[in-house]
């Protein structure tokens, strides 16, 4: 008699289970596409958000409000870039402040 052998997969999924997952994902994507087509186009919104810039003095606030009224995608990019710049400036400034206080916030050394 031959000894019984076991197959070790070492954490890898078999090809059949990967194909099964892909087919299931494709089925659900088709199902959502069919559902979206069956529902139809959503009704237009009844409320329009507009920033009132009539009494604003010229400056950065009026510029940002005009961008908001004109193009929401450009407004979104502007807000994200301003937030990233502020995060970088605040992070760098506080890192230097902590360095002056004698606290090292650099990388930790791992000893394993």
N, C-alpha and C. Protein backbone atom coordinates (compact mmCIF):
# COMPACT_ATOMS: atom_id res chain seq x y z
N UNK A 1 0.82 -1.18 0.00
CA UNK A 1 0.00 0.00 0.00
C UNK A 1 0.87 1.24 0.00
N UNK A 2 0.40 2.24 -0.74
CA UNK A 2 1.12 3.51 -0.77
C UNK A 2 0.66 4.38 0.38
N UNK A 3 1.59 5.16 0.94
CA UNK A 3 1.17 6.06 2.03
C UNK A 3 0.32 7.19 1.47
N UNK A 4 -0.59 7.64 2.29
CA UNK A 4 -1.47 8.72 1.90
C UNK A 4 -0.70 10.04 1.92
N UNK A 5 -0.75 10.78 0.81
CA UNK A 5 -0.02 12.05 0.75
C UNK A 5 -1.01 13.20 0.86
N UNK A 6 -0.56 14.24 1.46
CA UNK A 6 -1.38 15.44 1.56
C UNK A 6 -0.74 16.54 0.74
N UNK A 7 -1.57 17.37 0.16
CA UNK A 7 -1.09 18.47 -0.66
C UNK A 7 -1.13 19.74 0.19
N UNK A 8 -0.02 20.42 0.25
CA UNK A 8 0.06 21.68 0.99
C UNK A 8 -0.06 22.83 0.00
N UNK A 9 -0.95 23.75 0.31
CA UNK A 9 -1.14 24.87 -0.60
C UNK A 9 -0.41 26.12 -0.13
N UNK A 10 0.12 26.11 1.05
CA UNK A 10 0.89 27.21 1.64
C UNK A 10 0.17 28.56 1.52
N UNK A 11 -1.13 28.57 1.77
CA UNK A 11 -1.87 29.82 1.79
C UNK A 11 -2.37 30.30 0.44
N UNK A 12 -2.06 29.63 -0.63
CA UNK A 12 -2.53 30.05 -1.95
C UNK A 12 -3.89 29.44 -2.23
N UNK A 13 -4.70 30.20 -2.91
CA UNK A 13 -6.01 29.69 -3.30
C UNK A 13 -5.88 28.87 -4.57
N UNK A 14 -6.74 27.90 -4.68
CA UNK A 14 -6.70 27.09 -5.88
C UNK A 14 -7.28 27.87 -7.05
N UNK A 15 -6.96 27.44 -8.25
CA UNK A 15 -7.40 28.12 -9.47
C UNK A 15 -8.92 28.09 -9.57
N UNK A 16 -9.53 27.02 -9.13
CA UNK A 16 -10.98 26.90 -9.22
C UNK A 16 -11.67 27.94 -8.34
N UNK A 17 -11.18 28.14 -7.12
CA UNK A 17 -11.82 29.11 -6.24
C UNK A 17 -11.61 30.54 -6.74
N UNK A 18 -10.48 30.82 -7.37
CA UNK A 18 -10.23 32.15 -7.94
C UNK A 18 -11.20 32.40 -9.09
N UNK A 19 -11.38 31.41 -9.96
CA UNK A 19 -12.32 31.56 -11.08
C UNK A 19 -13.74 31.71 -10.56
N UNK A 20 -14.08 30.97 -9.51
CA UNK A 20 -15.42 31.07 -8.94
C UNK A 20 -15.66 32.48 -8.40
N UNK A 21 -14.67 33.04 -7.72
CA UNK A 21 -14.81 34.41 -7.19
C UNK A 21 -14.93 35.43 -8.32
N UNK A 22 -14.17 35.28 -9.38
CA UNK A 22 -14.25 36.19 -10.51
C UNK A 22 -15.60 36.10 -11.21
N UNK A 23 -16.11 34.90 -11.38
CA UNK A 23 -17.43 34.75 -12.00
C UNK A 23 -18.52 35.34 -11.13
N UNK A 24 -18.42 35.16 -9.83
CA UNK A 24 -19.40 35.73 -8.92
C UNK A 24 -19.36 37.26 -8.96
N UNK A 25 -18.15 37.84 -9.00
CA UNK A 25 -18.02 39.30 -9.09
C UNK A 25 -18.58 39.81 -10.41
N UNK A 26 -18.32 39.12 -11.51
CA UNK A 26 -18.85 39.53 -12.81
C UNK A 26 -20.37 39.45 -12.81
N UNK A 27 -20.93 38.42 -12.19
CA UNK A 27 -22.38 38.28 -12.11
C UNK A 27 -23.00 39.46 -11.36
N UNK A 28 -22.42 39.83 -10.22
CA UNK A 28 -22.97 40.93 -9.44
C UNK A 28 -22.81 42.26 -10.15
N UNK A 29 -21.71 42.44 -10.90
CA UNK A 29 -21.55 43.68 -11.65
C UNK A 29 -22.60 43.78 -12.75
N UNK A 30 -22.89 42.65 -13.44
CA UNK A 30 -23.94 42.66 -14.45
C UNK A 30 -25.30 42.90 -13.82
N UNK A 31 -25.51 42.33 -12.65
CA UNK A 31 -26.79 42.50 -11.96
C UNK A 31 -27.02 43.97 -11.59
N UNK A 32 -25.97 44.64 -11.10
CA UNK A 32 -26.12 46.05 -10.74
C UNK A 32 -26.30 46.92 -11.99
N UNK A 33 -25.66 46.56 -13.10
CA UNK A 33 -25.84 47.32 -14.33
C UNK A 33 -27.27 47.19 -14.85
N UNK A 34 -27.81 45.97 -14.79
CA UNK A 34 -29.19 45.76 -15.22
C UNK A 34 -30.14 46.51 -14.31
N UNK A 35 -29.88 46.50 -13.01
CA UNK A 35 -30.74 47.21 -12.06
C UNK A 35 -30.69 48.72 -12.33
N UNK A 36 -29.51 49.25 -12.63
CA UNK A 36 -29.38 50.69 -12.90
C UNK A 36 -30.14 51.07 -14.17
N UNK A 37 -30.11 50.22 -15.18
CA UNK A 37 -30.85 50.50 -16.40
C UNK A 37 -32.35 50.40 -16.18
N UNK A 38 -32.78 49.50 -15.32
CA UNK A 38 -34.21 49.33 -15.06
C UNK A 38 -34.77 50.49 -14.26
N UNK A 39 -33.97 51.06 -13.39
CA UNK A 39 -34.45 52.15 -12.55
C UNK A 39 -34.66 53.40 -13.38
N UNK A 40 -33.78 53.67 -14.31
CA UNK A 40 -33.90 54.86 -15.14
C UNK A 40 -33.10 56.02 -14.59
N UNK A 41 -33.30 57.16 -15.19
CA UNK A 41 -32.54 58.34 -14.81
C UNK A 41 -33.16 58.97 -13.56
N UNK A 42 -32.32 59.39 -12.61
CA UNK A 42 -32.87 60.00 -11.40
C UNK A 42 -33.46 61.37 -11.71
N UNK A 43 -34.43 61.79 -10.92
CA UNK A 43 -35.02 63.10 -11.16
C UNK A 43 -34.02 64.21 -10.85
N UNK A 44 -34.14 65.34 -11.52
CA UNK A 44 -33.19 66.43 -11.26
C UNK A 44 -33.39 66.99 -9.84
N UNK A 45 -32.31 67.45 -9.24
CA UNK A 45 -32.44 68.00 -7.89
C UNK A 45 -33.27 69.28 -7.89
N UNK A 46 -34.02 69.48 -6.82
CA UNK A 46 -34.87 70.65 -6.73
C UNK A 46 -34.16 71.84 -6.09
N UNK A 47 -33.06 71.58 -5.43
CA UNK A 47 -32.35 72.63 -4.72
C UNK A 47 -30.98 72.82 -5.36
N UNK A 48 -30.62 74.06 -5.62
CA UNK A 48 -29.32 74.38 -6.21
C UNK A 48 -28.54 75.16 -5.17
N UNK A 49 -27.36 74.67 -4.83
CA UNK A 49 -26.50 75.35 -3.85
C UNK A 49 -25.60 76.34 -4.56
N UNK A 50 -25.71 77.59 -4.18
CA UNK A 50 -24.89 78.66 -4.76
C UNK A 50 -24.41 79.55 -3.62
N UNK A 51 -23.13 79.88 -3.66
CA UNK A 51 -22.57 80.81 -2.67
C UNK A 51 -22.89 82.24 -3.11
N UNK A 52 -23.41 83.03 -2.19
CA UNK A 52 -23.76 84.42 -2.49
C UNK A 52 -22.50 85.28 -2.43
N UNK A 53 -22.07 85.78 -3.57
CA UNK A 53 -20.84 86.57 -3.66
C UNK A 53 -21.12 88.04 -3.95
N UNK A 54 -22.36 88.48 -3.86
CA UNK A 54 -22.70 89.86 -4.22
C UNK A 54 -22.07 90.88 -3.27
N UNK A 55 -22.04 90.60 -1.98
CA UNK A 55 -21.53 91.57 -1.01
C UNK A 55 -20.14 91.22 -0.49
N UNK A 56 -19.44 90.31 -1.16
CA UNK A 56 -18.11 89.91 -0.70
C UNK A 56 -17.05 90.86 -1.25
N UNK A 57 -16.08 91.16 -0.41
CA UNK A 57 -14.96 91.99 -0.85
C UNK A 57 -14.03 91.13 -1.70
N UNK A 58 -13.33 91.74 -2.66
CA UNK A 58 -12.40 90.97 -3.47
C UNK A 58 -11.30 90.37 -2.60
N UNK A 59 -10.95 89.15 -2.88
CA UNK A 59 -9.92 88.47 -2.12
C UNK A 59 -10.02 86.97 -2.33
N UNK A 60 -9.33 86.24 -1.47
CA UNK A 60 -9.26 84.79 -1.64
C UNK A 60 -10.61 84.13 -1.36
N UNK A 61 -11.39 84.67 -0.43
CA UNK A 61 -12.70 84.09 -0.13
C UNK A 61 -13.65 84.22 -1.33
N UNK A 62 -13.64 85.37 -1.97
CA UNK A 62 -14.48 85.57 -3.15
C UNK A 62 -14.01 84.69 -4.30
N UNK A 63 -12.69 84.53 -4.44
CA UNK A 63 -12.15 83.67 -5.49
C UNK A 63 -12.60 82.23 -5.30
N UNK A 64 -12.53 81.73 -4.06
CA UNK A 64 -12.94 80.36 -3.79
C UNK A 64 -14.46 80.21 -3.98
N UNK A 65 -15.23 81.21 -3.58
CA UNK A 65 -16.68 81.15 -3.78
C UNK A 65 -17.04 81.17 -5.26
N UNK A 66 -16.31 81.93 -6.06
CA UNK A 66 -16.56 81.94 -7.51
C UNK A 66 -16.22 80.60 -8.14
N UNK A 67 -15.15 79.96 -7.66
CA UNK A 67 -14.81 78.63 -8.17
C UNK A 67 -15.91 77.64 -7.79
N UNK A 68 -16.44 77.74 -6.56
CA UNK A 68 -17.52 76.87 -6.12
C UNK A 68 -18.76 77.05 -7.00
N UNK A 69 -19.08 78.28 -7.34
CA UNK A 69 -20.25 78.54 -8.18
C UNK A 69 -20.03 78.11 -9.62
N UNK A 70 -18.80 78.17 -10.10
CA UNK A 70 -18.53 77.88 -11.50
C UNK A 70 -18.30 76.43 -11.82
N UNK A 71 -17.44 75.75 -11.08
CA UNK A 71 -17.05 74.38 -11.41
C UNK A 71 -16.76 73.63 -10.13
N UNK A 72 -17.61 72.66 -9.79
CA UNK A 72 -17.44 71.93 -8.53
C UNK A 72 -16.21 71.01 -8.56
N UNK A 73 -15.85 70.50 -9.75
CA UNK A 73 -14.65 69.65 -9.83
C UNK A 73 -13.39 70.47 -9.52
N UNK A 74 -13.30 71.66 -10.09
CA UNK A 74 -12.16 72.53 -9.82
C UNK A 74 -12.15 72.96 -8.36
N UNK A 75 -13.33 73.20 -7.80
CA UNK A 75 -13.43 73.54 -6.37
C UNK A 75 -12.92 72.38 -5.52
N UNK A 76 -13.31 71.16 -5.86
CA UNK A 76 -12.84 70.00 -5.11
C UNK A 76 -11.33 69.84 -5.19
N UNK A 77 -10.76 70.02 -6.38
CA UNK A 77 -9.30 69.94 -6.52
C UNK A 77 -8.60 71.04 -5.73
N UNK A 78 -9.19 72.23 -5.73
CA UNK A 78 -8.61 73.35 -4.98
C UNK A 78 -8.61 73.05 -3.49
N UNK A 79 -9.72 72.55 -2.98
CA UNK A 79 -9.83 72.25 -1.55
C UNK A 79 -8.85 71.15 -1.15
N UNK A 80 -8.75 70.11 -1.97
CA UNK A 80 -7.84 69.01 -1.64
C UNK A 80 -6.39 69.48 -1.66
N UNK A 81 -6.02 70.29 -2.66
CA UNK A 81 -4.63 70.77 -2.72
C UNK A 81 -4.32 71.72 -1.57
N UNK A 82 -5.28 72.57 -1.18
CA UNK A 82 -5.04 73.46 -0.04
C UNK A 82 -4.89 72.66 1.24
N UNK A 83 -5.73 71.63 1.42
CA UNK A 83 -5.63 70.80 2.63
C UNK A 83 -4.31 70.03 2.67
N UNK A 84 -3.86 69.52 1.53
CA UNK A 84 -2.59 68.81 1.50
C UNK A 84 -1.44 69.75 1.81
N UNK A 85 -1.48 70.95 1.26
CA UNK A 85 -0.43 71.93 1.55
C UNK A 85 -0.41 72.35 3.01
N UNK A 86 -1.61 72.56 3.59
CA UNK A 86 -1.67 72.92 5.01
C UNK A 86 -1.17 71.78 5.89
N UNK A 87 -1.52 70.55 5.54
CA UNK A 87 -1.05 69.40 6.30
C UNK A 87 0.46 69.27 6.26
N UNK A 88 1.03 69.49 5.06
CA UNK A 88 2.49 69.42 4.93
C UNK A 88 3.15 70.53 5.74
N UNK A 89 2.63 71.75 5.64
CA UNK A 89 3.23 72.88 6.35
C UNK A 89 3.12 72.70 7.87
N UNK A 90 1.94 72.30 8.35
CA UNK A 90 1.78 72.09 9.79
C UNK A 90 2.63 70.93 10.29
N UNK A 91 2.68 69.84 9.53
CA UNK A 91 3.50 68.70 9.93
C UNK A 91 4.97 69.04 9.99
N UNK A 92 5.46 69.74 8.98
CA UNK A 92 6.87 70.13 8.96
C UNK A 92 7.18 71.12 10.08
N UNK A 93 6.28 72.08 10.28
CA UNK A 93 6.50 73.08 11.34
C UNK A 93 6.53 72.45 12.72
N UNK A 94 5.57 71.58 13.01
CA UNK A 94 5.55 70.95 14.33
C UNK A 94 6.68 69.95 14.51
N UNK A 95 7.13 69.31 13.44
CA UNK A 95 8.28 68.41 13.54
C UNK A 95 9.53 69.20 13.92
N UNK A 96 9.71 70.36 13.31
CA UNK A 96 10.86 71.20 13.68
C UNK A 96 10.73 71.75 15.10
N UNK A 97 9.51 72.11 15.50
CA UNK A 97 9.28 72.59 16.85
C UNK A 97 9.60 71.51 17.88
N UNK A 98 9.21 70.27 17.60
CA UNK A 98 9.53 69.16 18.50
C UNK A 98 11.03 68.88 18.52
N UNK A 99 11.67 69.08 17.37
CA UNK A 99 13.13 68.92 17.32
C UNK A 99 13.84 69.96 18.17
N UNK A 100 13.34 71.19 18.16
CA UNK A 100 13.92 72.23 19.00
C UNK A 100 13.67 71.96 20.48
N UNK A 101 12.55 71.28 20.79
CA UNK A 101 12.26 70.93 22.18
C UNK A 101 13.04 69.70 22.64
N UNK A 102 13.76 69.05 21.72
CA UNK A 102 14.58 67.89 22.07
C UNK A 102 13.87 66.56 21.94
N UNK A 103 12.72 66.54 21.30
CA UNK A 103 11.98 65.30 21.10
C UNK A 103 12.22 64.84 19.68
N UNK A 104 12.74 63.61 19.54
CA UNK A 104 13.04 63.07 18.21
C UNK A 104 11.83 62.28 17.72
N UNK A 105 11.20 62.75 16.67
CA UNK A 105 10.04 62.08 16.10
C UNK A 105 10.40 61.33 14.82
N UNK A 106 11.66 61.00 14.65
CA UNK A 106 12.09 60.30 13.45
C UNK A 106 11.65 58.86 13.46
N UNK A 107 12.24 58.08 12.57
CA UNK A 107 11.88 56.67 12.45
C UNK A 107 12.37 55.89 13.68
N UNK A 108 11.57 54.92 14.03
CA UNK A 108 11.93 54.05 15.14
C UNK A 108 12.83 52.93 14.64
N UNK A 109 13.79 52.52 15.45
CA UNK A 109 14.65 51.41 15.10
C UNK A 109 14.06 50.14 15.69
N UNK A 110 13.89 49.14 14.84
CA UNK A 110 13.35 47.87 15.32
C UNK A 110 14.49 46.89 15.51
N UNK A 111 14.55 46.33 16.69
CA UNK A 111 15.56 45.32 16.99
C UNK A 111 14.84 44.00 17.17
N UNK A 112 14.94 43.15 16.18
CA UNK A 112 14.26 41.85 16.27
C UNK A 112 15.25 40.75 16.49
